[in-house]
ModelCIF file with pLDDT and N, C-alpha, C, O atoms, coordinates in Angstrom:
data_MODEL
#
_entry.id   MODEL 
#
_entity.id                         1 
_entity.type                       polymer 
_entity.pdbx_number_of_molecules   1 
#
_entity_poly.entity_id                      1 
_entity_poly.type                           'polypeptide(L)' 
_entity_poly.nstd_linkage                   no 
_entity_poly.nstd_monomer                   no 
_entity_poly.pdbx_seq_one_letter_code       DPKQIIEIRNLIKNLGRNHTIILSSHILSEVQAVCERVIIINSGK 
_entity_poly.pdbx_seq_one_letter_code_can   DPKQIIEIRNLIKNLGRNHTIILSSHILSEVQAVCERVIIINSGK 
_entity_poly.pdbx_strand_id                 A 
#
loop_
_entity_poly_seq.entity_id 
_entity_poly_seq.num 
_entity_poly_seq.mon_id 
_entity_poly_seq.hetero 
1 1  ASP n 
1 2  PRO n 
1 3  LYS n 
1 4  GLN n 
1 5  ILE n 
1 6  ILE n 
1 7  GLU n 
1 8  ILE n 
1 9  ARG n 
1 10 ASN n 
1 11 LEU n 
1 12 ILE n 
1 13 LYS n 
1 14 ASN n 
1 15 LEU n 
1 16 GLY n 
1 17 ARG n 
1 18 ASN n 
1 19 HIS n 
1 20 THR n 
1 21 ILE n 
1 22 ILE n 
1 23 LEU n 
1 24 SER n 
1 25 SER n 
1 26 HIS n 
1 27 ILE n 
1 28 LEU n 
1 29 SER n 
1 30 GLU n 
1 31 VAL n 
1 32 GLN n 
1 33 ALA n 
1 34 VAL n 
1 35 CYS n 
1 36 GLU n 
1 37 ARG n 
1 38 VAL n 
1 39 ILE n 
1 40 ILE n 
1 41 ILE n 
1 42 ASN n 
1 43 SER n 
1 44 GLY n 
1 45 LYS n 
#
_struct_asym.id          A 
_struct_asym.entity_id   1 
#
loop_
_ma_qa_metric.id 
_ma_qa_metric.mode 
_ma_qa_metric.name 
_ma_qa_metric.software_group_id 
_ma_qa_metric.type 
1 global pLDDT . pLDDT 
2 local  pLDDT . pLDDT 
#
_ma_qa_metric_global.metric_id      1 
_ma_qa_metric_global.metric_value   85.91 
_ma_qa_metric_global.model_id       1 
_ma_qa_metric_global.ordinal_id     1 
#
loop_
_ma_qa_metric_local.label_asym_id 
_ma_qa_metric_local.label_comp_id 
_ma_qa_metric_local.label_seq_id 
_ma_qa_metric_local.metric_id 
_ma_qa_metric_local.metric_value 
_ma_qa_metric_local.model_id 
_ma_qa_metric_local.ordinal_id 
A ASP 1  2 82.00 1 1  
A PRO 2  2 84.00 1 2  
A LYS 3  2 84.00 1 3  
A GLN 4  2 81.00 1 4  
A ILE 5  2 83.00 1 5  
A ILE 6  2 86.00 1 6  
A GLU 7  2 85.00 1 7  
A ILE 8  2 85.00 1 8  
A ARG 9  2 87.00 1 9  
A ASN 10 2 88.00 1 10 
A LEU 11 2 88.00 1 11 
A ILE 12 2 90.00 1 12 
A LYS 13 2 89.00 1 13 
A ASN 14 2 89.00 1 14 
A LEU 15 2 89.00 1 15 
A GLY 16 2 89.00 1 16 
A ARG 17 2 87.00 1 17 
A ASN 18 2 88.00 1 18 
A HIS 19 2 92.00 1 19 
A THR 20 2 93.00 1 20 
A ILE 21 2 94.00 1 21 
A ILE 22 2 93.00 1 22 
A LEU 23 2 91.00 1 23 
A SER 24 2 87.00 1 24 
A SER 25 2 80.00 1 25 
A HIS 26 2 74.00 1 26 
A ILE 27 2 74.00 1 27 
A LEU 28 2 78.00 1 28 
A SER 29 2 75.00 1 29 
A GLU 30 2 77.00 1 30 
A VAL 31 2 83.00 1 31 
A GLN 32 2 80.00 1 32 
A ALA 33 2 82.00 1 33 
A VAL 34 2 88.00 1 34 
A CYS 35 2 89.00 1 35 
A GLU 36 2 86.00 1 36 
A ARG 37 2 89.00 1 37 
A VAL 38 2 89.00 1 38 
A ILE 39 2 89.00 1 39 
A ILE 40 2 88.00 1 40 
A ILE 41 2 89.00 1 41 
A ASN 42 2 87.00 1 42 
A SER 43 2 87.00 1 43 
A GLY 44 2 89.00 1 44 
A LYS 45 2 89.00 1 45 
#
loop_
_atom_site.group_PDB 
_atom_site.id 
_atom_site.type_symbol 
_atom_site.label_atom_id 
_atom_site.label_alt_id 
_atom_site.label_comp_id 
_atom_site.label_asym_id 
_atom_site.label_entity_id 
_atom_site.label_seq_id 
_atom_site.pdbx_PDB_ins_code 
_atom_site.Cartn_x 
_atom_site.Cartn_y 
_atom_site.Cartn_z 
_atom_site.occupancy 
_atom_site.B_iso_or_equiv 
_atom_site.pdbx_formal_charge 
_atom_site.auth_seq_id 
_atom_site.auth_comp_id 
_atom_site.auth_asym_id 
_atom_site.auth_atom_id 
_atom_site.pdbx_PDB_model_num 
ATOM 1   N N  . ASP A 1 1  ? 102.783 100.534 86.577  1.00 82.00 ? 1  ASP A N  1 
ATOM 2   C CA . ASP A 1 1  ? 103.426 99.741  85.530  1.00 82.00 ? 1  ASP A CA 1 
ATOM 3   C C  . ASP A 1 1  ? 103.746 98.348  86.088  1.00 82.00 ? 1  ASP A C  1 
ATOM 4   O O  . ASP A 1 1  ? 103.663 98.138  87.298  1.00 82.00 ? 1  ASP A O  1 
ATOM 5   N N  . PRO A 1 2  ? 104.112 97.392  85.217  1.00 84.00 ? 2  PRO A N  1 
ATOM 6   C CA . PRO A 1 2  ? 104.328 96.008  85.679  1.00 84.00 ? 2  PRO A CA 1 
ATOM 7   C C  . PRO A 1 2  ? 105.328 95.885  86.822  1.00 84.00 ? 2  PRO A C  1 
ATOM 8   O O  . PRO A 1 2  ? 105.112 95.095  87.741  1.00 84.00 ? 2  PRO A O  1 
ATOM 9   N N  . LYS A 1 3  ? 106.414 96.649  86.785  1.00 84.00 ? 3  LYS A N  1 
ATOM 10  C CA . LYS A 1 3  ? 107.410 96.574  87.857  1.00 84.00 ? 3  LYS A CA 1 
ATOM 11  C C  . LYS A 1 3  ? 106.823 97.066  89.179  1.00 84.00 ? 3  LYS A C  1 
ATOM 12  O O  . LYS A 1 3  ? 107.051 96.467  90.230  1.00 84.00 ? 3  LYS A O  1 
ATOM 13  N N  . GLN A 1 4  ? 106.064 98.165  89.116  1.00 81.00 ? 4  GLN A N  1 
ATOM 14  C CA . GLN A 1 4  ? 105.445 98.706  90.327  1.00 81.00 ? 4  GLN A CA 1 
ATOM 15  C C  . GLN A 1 4  ? 104.397 97.750  90.879  1.00 81.00 ? 4  GLN A C  1 
ATOM 16  O O  . GLN A 1 4  ? 104.257 97.610  92.094  1.00 81.00 ? 4  GLN A O  1 
ATOM 17  N N  . ILE A 1 5  ? 103.657 97.090  89.983  1.00 83.00 ? 5  ILE A N  1 
ATOM 18  C CA . ILE A 1 5  ? 102.640 96.120  90.424  1.00 83.00 ? 5  ILE A CA 1 
ATOM 19  C C  . ILE A 1 5  ? 103.294 94.991  91.215  1.00 83.00 ? 5  ILE A C  1 
ATOM 20  O O  . ILE A 1 5  ? 102.789 94.588  92.263  1.00 83.00 ? 5  ILE A O  1 
ATOM 21  N N  . ILE A 1 6  ? 104.416 94.484  90.712  1.00 86.00 ? 6  ILE A N  1 
ATOM 22  C CA . ILE A 1 6  ? 105.114 93.401  91.407  1.00 86.00 ? 6  ILE A CA 1 
ATOM 23  C C  . ILE A 1 6  ? 105.603 93.876  92.763  1.00 86.00 ? 6  ILE A C  1 
ATOM 24  O O  . ILE A 1 6  ? 105.522 93.135  93.743  1.00 86.00 ? 6  ILE A O  1 
ATOM 25  N N  . GLU A 1 7  ? 106.112 95.108  92.836  1.00 85.00 ? 7  GLU A N  1 
ATOM 26  C CA . GLU A 1 7  ? 106.606 95.646  94.100  1.00 85.00 ? 7  GLU A CA 1 
ATOM 27  C C  . GLU A 1 7  ? 105.480 95.766  95.131  1.00 85.00 ? 7  GLU A C  1 
ATOM 28  O O  . GLU A 1 7  ? 105.647 95.376  96.287  1.00 85.00 ? 7  GLU A O  1 
ATOM 29  N N  . ILE A 1 8  ? 104.318 96.315  94.701  1.00 85.00 ? 8  ILE A N  1 
ATOM 30  C CA . ILE A 1 8  ? 103.181 96.466  95.618  1.00 85.00 ? 8  ILE A CA 1 
ATOM 31  C C  . ILE A 1 8  ? 102.631 95.096  96.008  1.00 85.00 ? 8  ILE A C  1 
ATOM 32  O O  . ILE A 1 8  ? 102.232 94.883  97.153  1.00 85.00 ? 8  ILE A O  1 
ATOM 33  N N  . ARG A 1 9  ? 102.611 94.176  95.057  1.00 87.00 ? 9  ARG A N  1 
ATOM 34  C CA . ARG A 1 9  ? 102.145 92.811  95.344  1.00 87.00 ? 9  ARG A CA 1 
ATOM 35  C C  . ARG A 1 9  ? 103.011 92.161  96.418  1.00 87.00 ? 9  ARG A C  1 
ATOM 36  O O  . ARG A 1 9  ? 102.496 91.538  97.346  1.00 87.00 ? 9  ARG A O  1 
ATOM 37  N N  . ASN A 1 10 ? 104.317 92.309  96.290  1.00 88.00 ? 10 ASN A N  1 
ATOM 38  C CA . ASN A 1 10 ? 105.220 91.732  97.296  1.00 88.00 ? 10 ASN A CA 1 
ATOM 39  C C  . ASN A 1 10 ? 105.034 92.408  98.646  1.00 88.00 ? 10 ASN A C  1 
ATOM 40  O O  . ASN A 1 10 ? 105.118 91.759  99.689  1.00 88.00 ? 10 ASN A O  1 
ATOM 41  N N  . LEU A 1 11 ? 104.780 93.718  98.624  1.00 88.00 ? 11 LEU A N  1 
ATOM 42  C CA . LEU A 1 11 ? 104.538 94.446  99.875  1.00 88.00 ? 11 LEU A CA 1 
ATOM 43  C C  . LEU A 1 11 ? 103.282 93.912  100.564 1.00 88.00 ? 11 LEU A C  1 
ATOM 44  O O  . LEU A 1 11 ? 103.275 93.717  101.779 1.00 88.00 ? 11 LEU A O  1 
ATOM 45  N N  . ILE A 1 12 ? 102.221 93.676  99.791  1.00 90.00 ? 12 ILE A N  1 
ATOM 46  C CA . ILE A 1 12 ? 100.967 93.170  100.363 1.00 90.00 ? 12 ILE A CA 1 
ATOM 47  C C  . ILE A 1 12 ? 101.182 91.779  100.957 1.00 90.00 ? 12 ILE A C  1 
ATOM 48  O O  . ILE A 1 12 ? 100.676 91.483  102.039 1.00 90.00 ? 12 ILE A O  1 
ATOM 49  N N  . LYS A 1 13 ? 101.928 90.928  100.256 1.00 89.00 ? 13 LYS A N  1 
ATOM 50  C CA . LYS A 1 13 ? 102.232 89.599  100.794 1.00 89.00 ? 13 LYS A CA 1 
ATOM 51  C C  . LYS A 1 13 ? 102.958 89.711  102.125 1.00 89.00 ? 13 LYS A C  1 
ATOM 52  O O  . LYS A 1 13 ? 102.664 88.980  103.070 1.00 89.00 ? 13 LYS A O  1 
ATOM 53  N N  . ASN A 1 14 ? 103.910 90.635  102.187 1.00 89.00 ? 14 ASN A N  1 
ATOM 54  C CA . ASN A 1 14 ? 104.676 90.835  103.415 1.00 89.00 ? 14 ASN A CA 1 
ATOM 55  C C  . ASN A 1 14 ? 103.773 91.326  104.543 1.00 89.00 ? 14 ASN A C  1 
ATOM 56  O O  . ASN A 1 14 ? 103.890 90.870  105.681 1.00 89.00 ? 14 ASN A O  1 
ATOM 57  N N  . LEU A 1 15 ? 102.871 92.260  104.225 1.00 89.00 ? 15 LEU A N  1 
ATOM 58  C CA . LEU A 1 15 ? 101.952 92.785  105.232 1.00 89.00 ? 15 LEU A CA 1 
ATOM 59  C C  . LEU A 1 15 ? 100.987 91.706  105.713 1.00 89.00 ? 15 LEU A C  1 
ATOM 60  O O  . LEU A 1 15 ? 100.533 91.744  106.856 1.00 89.00 ? 15 LEU A O  1 
ATOM 61  N N  . GLY A 1 16 ? 100.676 90.752  104.851 1.00 89.00 ? 16 GLY A N  1 
ATOM 62  C CA . GLY A 1 16 ? 99.745  89.692  105.208 1.00 89.00 ? 16 GLY A CA 1 
ATOM 63  C C  . GLY A 1 16 ? 100.237 88.788  106.316 1.00 89.00 ? 16 GLY A C  1 
ATOM 64  O O  . GLY A 1 16 ? 99.452  88.026  106.880 1.00 89.00 ? 16 GLY A O  1 
ATOM 65  N N  . ARG A 1 17 ? 101.516 88.855  106.641 1.00 87.00 ? 17 ARG A N  1 
ATOM 66  C CA . ARG A 1 17 ? 102.044 88.032  107.734 1.00 87.00 ? 17 ARG A CA 1 
ATOM 67  C C  . ARG A 1 17 ? 101.536 88.508  109.091 1.00 87.00 ? 17 ARG A C  1 
ATOM 68  O O  . ARG A 1 17 ? 101.422 87.720  110.030 1.00 87.00 ? 17 ARG A O  1 
ATOM 69  N N  . ASN A 1 18 ? 101.234 89.799  109.189 1.00 88.00 ? 18 ASN A N  1 
ATOM 70  C CA . ASN A 1 18 ? 100.832 90.364  110.478 1.00 88.00 ? 18 ASN A CA 1 
ATOM 71  C C  . ASN A 1 18 ? 99.485  91.074  110.456 1.00 88.00 ? 18 ASN A C  1 
ATOM 72  O O  . ASN A 1 18 ? 99.068  91.636  111.469 1.00 88.00 ? 18 ASN A O  1 
ATOM 73  N N  . HIS A 1 19 ? 98.793  91.056  109.307 1.00 92.00 ? 19 HIS A N  1 
ATOM 74  C CA . HIS A 1 19 ? 97.532  91.777  109.189 1.00 92.00 ? 19 HIS A CA 1 
ATOM 75  C C  . HIS A 1 19 ? 96.493  90.915  108.473 1.00 92.00 ? 19 HIS A C  1 
ATOM 76  O O  . HIS A 1 19 ? 96.828  90.026  107.690 1.00 92.00 ? 19 HIS A O  1 
ATOM 77  N N  . THR A 1 20 ? 95.235  91.201  108.761 1.00 93.00 ? 20 THR A N  1 
ATOM 78  C CA . THR A 1 20 ? 94.131  90.672  107.963 1.00 93.00 ? 20 THR A CA 1 
ATOM 79  C C  . THR A 1 20 ? 93.886  91.676  106.842 1.00 93.00 ? 20 THR A C  1 
ATOM 80  O O  . THR A 1 20 ? 93.739  92.869  107.106 1.00 93.00 ? 20 THR A O  1 
ATOM 81  N N  . ILE A 1 21 ? 93.840  91.211  105.596 1.00 94.00 ? 21 ILE A N  1 
ATOM 82  C CA . ILE A 1 21 ? 93.769  92.126  104.455 1.00 94.00 ? 21 ILE A CA 1 
ATOM 83  C C  . ILE A 1 21 ? 92.585  91.776  103.558 1.00 94.00 ? 21 ILE A C  1 
ATOM 84  O O  . ILE A 1 21 ? 92.378  90.616  103.201 1.00 94.00 ? 21 ILE A O  1 
ATOM 85  N N  . ILE A 1 22 ? 91.811  92.807  103.199 1.00 93.00 ? 22 ILE A N  1 
ATOM 86  C CA . ILE A 1 22 ? 90.802  92.674  102.149 1.00 93.00 ? 22 ILE A CA 1 
ATOM 87  C C  . ILE A 1 22 ? 91.317  93.479  100.963 1.00 93.00 ? 22 ILE A C  1 
ATOM 88  O O  . ILE A 1 22 ? 91.555  94.682  101.073 1.00 93.00 ? 22 ILE A O  1 
ATOM 89  N N  . LEU A 1 23 ? 91.486  92.811  99.836  1.00 91.00 ? 23 LEU A N  1 
ATOM 90  C CA . LEU A 1 23 ? 92.066  93.420  98.647  1.00 91.00 ? 23 LEU A CA 1 
ATOM 91  C C  . LEU A 1 23 ? 91.056  93.400  97.507  1.00 91.00 ? 23 LEU A C  1 
ATOM 92  O O  . LEU A 1 23 ? 90.611  92.333  97.083  1.00 91.00 ? 23 LEU A O  1 
ATOM 93  N N  . SER A 1 24 ? 90.700  94.574  97.016  1.00 87.00 ? 24 SER A N  1 
ATOM 94  C CA . SER A 1 24 ? 89.819  94.673  95.852  1.00 87.00 ? 24 SER A CA 1 
ATOM 95  C C  . SER A 1 24 ? 90.668  94.967  94.635  1.00 87.00 ? 24 SER A C  1 
ATOM 96  O O  . SER A 1 24 ? 91.524  95.851  94.675  1.00 87.00 ? 24 SER A O  1 
ATOM 97  N N  . SER A 1 25 ? 90.444  94.236  93.550  1.00 80.00 ? 25 SER A N  1 
ATOM 98  C CA . SER A 1 25 ? 91.247  94.455  92.350  1.00 80.00 ? 25 SER A CA 1 
ATOM 99  C C  . SER A 1 25 ? 90.518  93.933  91.122  1.00 80.00 ? 25 SER A C  1 
ATOM 100 O O  . SER A 1 25 ? 89.721  92.999  91.202  1.00 80.00 ? 25 SER A O  1 
ATOM 101 N N  . HIS A 1 26 ? 90.814  94.568  89.963  1.00 74.00 ? 26 HIS A N  1 
ATOM 102 C CA . HIS A 1 26 ? 90.322  94.061  88.683  1.00 74.00 ? 26 HIS A CA 1 
ATOM 103 C C  . HIS A 1 26 ? 91.336  93.123  88.038  1.00 74.00 ? 26 HIS A C  1 
ATOM 104 O O  . HIS A 1 26 ? 91.027  92.453  87.052  1.00 74.00 ? 26 HIS A O  1 
ATOM 105 N N  . ILE A 1 27 ? 92.545  93.075  88.593  1.00 74.00 ? 27 ILE A N  1 
ATOM 106 C CA . ILE A 1 27 ? 93.619  92.272  88.007  1.00 74.00 ? 27 ILE A CA 1 
ATOM 107 C C  . ILE A 1 27 ? 93.588  90.884  88.638  1.00 74.00 ? 27 ILE A C  1 
ATOM 108 O O  . ILE A 1 27 ? 94.083  90.681  89.747  1.00 74.00 ? 27 ILE A O  1 
ATOM 109 N N  . LEU A 1 28 ? 92.999  89.934  87.913  1.00 78.00 ? 28 LEU A N  1 
ATOM 110 C CA . LEU A 1 28 ? 92.762  88.619  88.494  1.00 78.00 ? 28 LEU A CA 1 
ATOM 111 C C  . LEU A 1 28 ? 94.061  87.861  88.766  1.00 78.00 ? 28 LEU A C  1 
ATOM 112 O O  . LEU A 1 28 ? 94.143  87.097  89.728  1.00 78.00 ? 28 LEU A O  1 
ATOM 113 N N  . SER A 1 29 ? 95.074  88.069  87.925  1.00 75.00 ? 29 SER A N  1 
ATOM 114 C CA . SER A 1 29 ? 96.355  87.404  88.173  1.00 75.00 ? 29 SER A CA 1 
ATOM 115 C C  . SER A 1 29 ? 96.957  87.884  89.486  1.00 75.00 ? 29 SER A C  1 
ATOM 116 O O  . SER A 1 29 ? 97.607  87.115  90.194  1.00 75.00 ? 29 SER A O  1 
ATOM 117 N N  . GLU A 1 30 ? 96.742  89.152  89.807  1.00 77.00 ? 30 GLU A N  1 
ATOM 118 C CA . GLU A 1 30 ? 97.230  89.705  91.071  1.00 77.00 ? 30 GLU A CA 1 
ATOM 119 C C  . GLU A 1 30 ? 96.534  89.045  92.256  1.00 77.00 ? 30 GLU A C  1 
ATOM 120 O O  . GLU A 1 30 ? 97.177  88.670  93.237  1.00 77.00 ? 30 GLU A O  1 
ATOM 121 N N  . VAL A 1 31 ? 95.208  88.908  92.153  1.00 83.00 ? 31 VAL A N  1 
ATOM 122 C CA . VAL A 1 31 ? 94.439  88.267  93.224  1.00 83.00 ? 31 VAL A CA 1 
ATOM 123 C C  . VAL A 1 31 ? 94.881  86.824  93.401  1.00 83.00 ? 31 VAL A C  1 
ATOM 124 O O  . VAL A 1 31 ? 95.052  86.355  94.527  1.00 83.00 ? 31 VAL A O  1 
ATOM 125 N N  . GLN A 1 32 ? 95.066  86.121  92.290  1.00 80.00 ? 32 GLN A N  1 
ATOM 126 C CA . GLN A 1 32 ? 95.460  84.718  92.365  1.00 80.00 ? 32 GLN A CA 1 
ATOM 127 C C  . GLN A 1 32 ? 96.850  84.565  92.983  1.00 80.00 ? 32 GLN A C  1 
ATOM 128 O O  . GLN A 1 32 ? 97.128  83.580  93.667  1.00 80.00 ? 32 GLN A O  1 
ATOM 129 N N  . ALA A 1 33 ? 97.719  85.547  92.736  1.00 82.00 ? 33 ALA A N  1 
ATOM 130 C CA . ALA A 1 33 ? 99.088  85.472  93.253  1.00 82.00 ? 33 ALA A CA 1 
ATOM 131 C C  . ALA A 1 33 ? 99.173  85.835  94.729  1.00 82.00 ? 33 ALA A C  1 
ATOM 132 O O  . ALA A 1 33 ? 100.048 85.333  95.436  1.00 82.00 ? 33 ALA A O  1 
ATOM 133 N N  . VAL A 1 34 ? 98.277  86.700  95.207  1.00 88.00 ? 34 VAL A N  1 
ATOM 134 C CA . VAL A 1 34 ? 98.410  87.258  96.554  1.00 88.00 ? 34 VAL A CA 1 
ATOM 135 C C  . VAL A 1 34 ? 97.426  86.649  97.551  1.00 88.00 ? 34 VAL A C  1 
ATOM 136 O O  . VAL A 1 34 ? 97.780  86.408  98.705  1.00 88.00 ? 34 VAL A O  1 
ATOM 137 N N  . CYS A 1 35 ? 96.195  86.399  97.111  1.00 89.00 ? 35 CYS A N  1 
ATOM 138 C CA . CYS A 1 35 ? 95.109  86.092  98.050  1.00 89.00 ? 35 CYS A CA 1 
ATOM 139 C C  . CYS A 1 35 ? 94.947  84.599  98.301  1.00 89.00 ? 35 CYS A C  1 
ATOM 140 O O  . CYS A 1 35 ? 95.173  83.773  97.417  1.00 89.00 ? 35 CYS A O  1 
ATOM 141 N N  . GLU A 1 36 ? 94.551  84.276  99.528  1.00 86.00 ? 36 GLU A N  1 
ATOM 142 C CA . GLU A 1 36 ? 94.294  82.890  99.917  1.00 86.00 ? 36 GLU A CA 1 
ATOM 143 C C  . GLU A 1 36 ? 92.836  82.507  99.655  1.00 86.00 ? 36 GLU A C  1 
ATOM 144 O O  . GLU A 1 36 ? 92.514  81.327  99.516  1.00 86.00 ? 36 GLU A O  1 
ATOM 145 N N  . ARG A 1 37 ? 91.981  83.487  99.590  1.00 89.00 ? 37 ARG A N  1 
ATOM 146 C CA . ARG A 1 37 ? 90.550  83.244  99.461  1.00 89.00 ? 37 ARG A CA 1 
ATOM 147 C C  . ARG A 1 37 ? 89.945  84.338  98.580  1.00 89.00 ? 37 ARG A C  1 
ATOM 148 O O  . ARG A 1 37 ? 90.432  85.468  98.559  1.00 89.00 ? 37 ARG A O  1 
ATOM 149 N N  . VAL A 1 38 ? 88.882  83.991  97.856  1.00 89.00 ? 38 VAL A N  1 
ATOM 150 C CA . VAL A 1 38 ? 88.248  84.930  96.937  1.00 89.00 ? 38 VAL A CA 1 
ATOM 151 C C  . VAL A 1 38 ? 86.749  84.984  97.194  1.00 89.00 ? 38 VAL A C  1 
ATOM 152 O O  . VAL A 1 38 ? 86.093  83.957  97.365  1.00 89.00 ? 38 VAL A O  1 
ATOM 153 N N  . ILE A 1 39 ? 86.221  86.205  97.216  1.00 89.00 ? 39 ILE A N  1 
ATOM 154 C CA . ILE A 1 39 ? 84.778  86.428  97.218  1.00 89.00 ? 39 ILE A CA 1 
ATOM 155 C C  . ILE A 1 39 ? 84.438  87.184  95.940  1.00 89.00 ? 39 ILE A C  1 
ATOM 156 O O  . ILE A 1 39 ? 85.106  88.158  95.595  1.00 89.00 ? 39 ILE A O  1 
ATOM 157 N N  . ILE A 1 40 ? 83.408  86.740  95.242  1.00 88.00 ? 40 ILE A N  1 
ATOM 158 C CA . ILE A 1 40 ? 82.975  87.417  94.014  1.00 88.00 ? 40 ILE A CA 1 
ATOM 159 C C  . ILE A 1 40 ? 81.540  87.889  94.210  1.00 88.00 ? 40 ILE A C  1 
ATOM 160 O O  . ILE A 1 40 ? 80.666  87.118  94.606  1.00 88.00 ? 40 ILE A O  1 
ATOM 161 N N  . ILE A 1 41 ? 81.311  89.181  93.924  1.00 89.00 ? 41 ILE A N  1 
ATOM 162 C CA . ILE A 1 41 ? 79.950  89.690  93.966  1.00 89.00 ? 41 ILE A CA 1 
ATOM 163 C C  . ILE A 1 41 ? 79.570  90.199  92.579  1.00 89.00 ? 41 ILE A C  1 
ATOM 164 O O  . ILE A 1 41 ? 80.421  90.642  91.808  1.00 89.00 ? 41 ILE A O  1 
ATOM 165 N N  . ASN A 1 42 ? 78.289  90.126  92.283  1.00 87.00 ? 42 ASN A N  1 
ATOM 166 C CA . ASN A 1 42 ? 77.768  90.584  91.000  1.00 87.00 ? 42 ASN A CA 1 
ATOM 167 C C  . ASN A 1 42 ? 76.387  91.168  91.218  1.00 87.00 ? 42 ASN A C  1 
ATOM 168 O O  . ASN A 1 42 ? 75.528  90.534  91.832  1.00 87.00 ? 42 ASN A O  1 
ATOM 169 N N  . SER A 1 43 ? 76.170  92.375  90.716  1.00 87.00 ? 43 SER A N  1 
ATOM 170 C CA . SER A 1 43 ? 74.885  93.063  90.876  1.00 87.00 ? 43 SER A CA 1 
ATOM 171 C C  . SER A 1 43 ? 74.467  93.133  92.338  1.00 87.00 ? 43 SER A C  1 
ATOM 172 O O  . SER A 1 43 ? 73.289  92.987  92.664  1.00 87.00 ? 43 SER A O  1 
ATOM 173 N N  . GLY A 1 44 ? 75.441  93.359  93.216  1.00 89.00 ? 44 GLY A N  1 
ATOM 174 C CA . GLY A 1 44 ? 75.144  93.533  94.626  1.00 89.00 ? 44 GLY A CA 1 
ATOM 175 C C  . GLY A 1 44 ? 74.954  92.255  95.418  1.00 89.00 ? 44 GLY A C  1 
ATOM 176 O O  . GLY A 1 44 ? 74.655  92.312  96.611  1.00 89.00 ? 44 GLY A O  1 
ATOM 177 N N  . LYS A 1 45 ? 75.124  91.088  94.776  1.00 89.00 ? 45 LYS A N  1 
ATOM 178 C CA . LYS A 1 45 ? 74.935  89.809  95.467  1.00 89.00 ? 45 LYS A CA 1 
ATOM 179 C C  . LYS A 1 45 ? 76.221  88.997  95.475  1.00 89.00 ? 45 LYS A C  1 
ATOM 180 O O  . LYS A 1 45 ? 76.248  87.890  96.014  1.00 89.00 ? 45 LYS A O  1 
#
């Protein structure tokens, strides 16, 4: 749910201080809020 998403998002941000993270998601607002860089693939490319 939205509250849980925000909690997990904040946790990932916190973990990013000490870890390299690859995050896969369909929620683009989440990616934009959390990630510094984006890779997009389509049809395997």
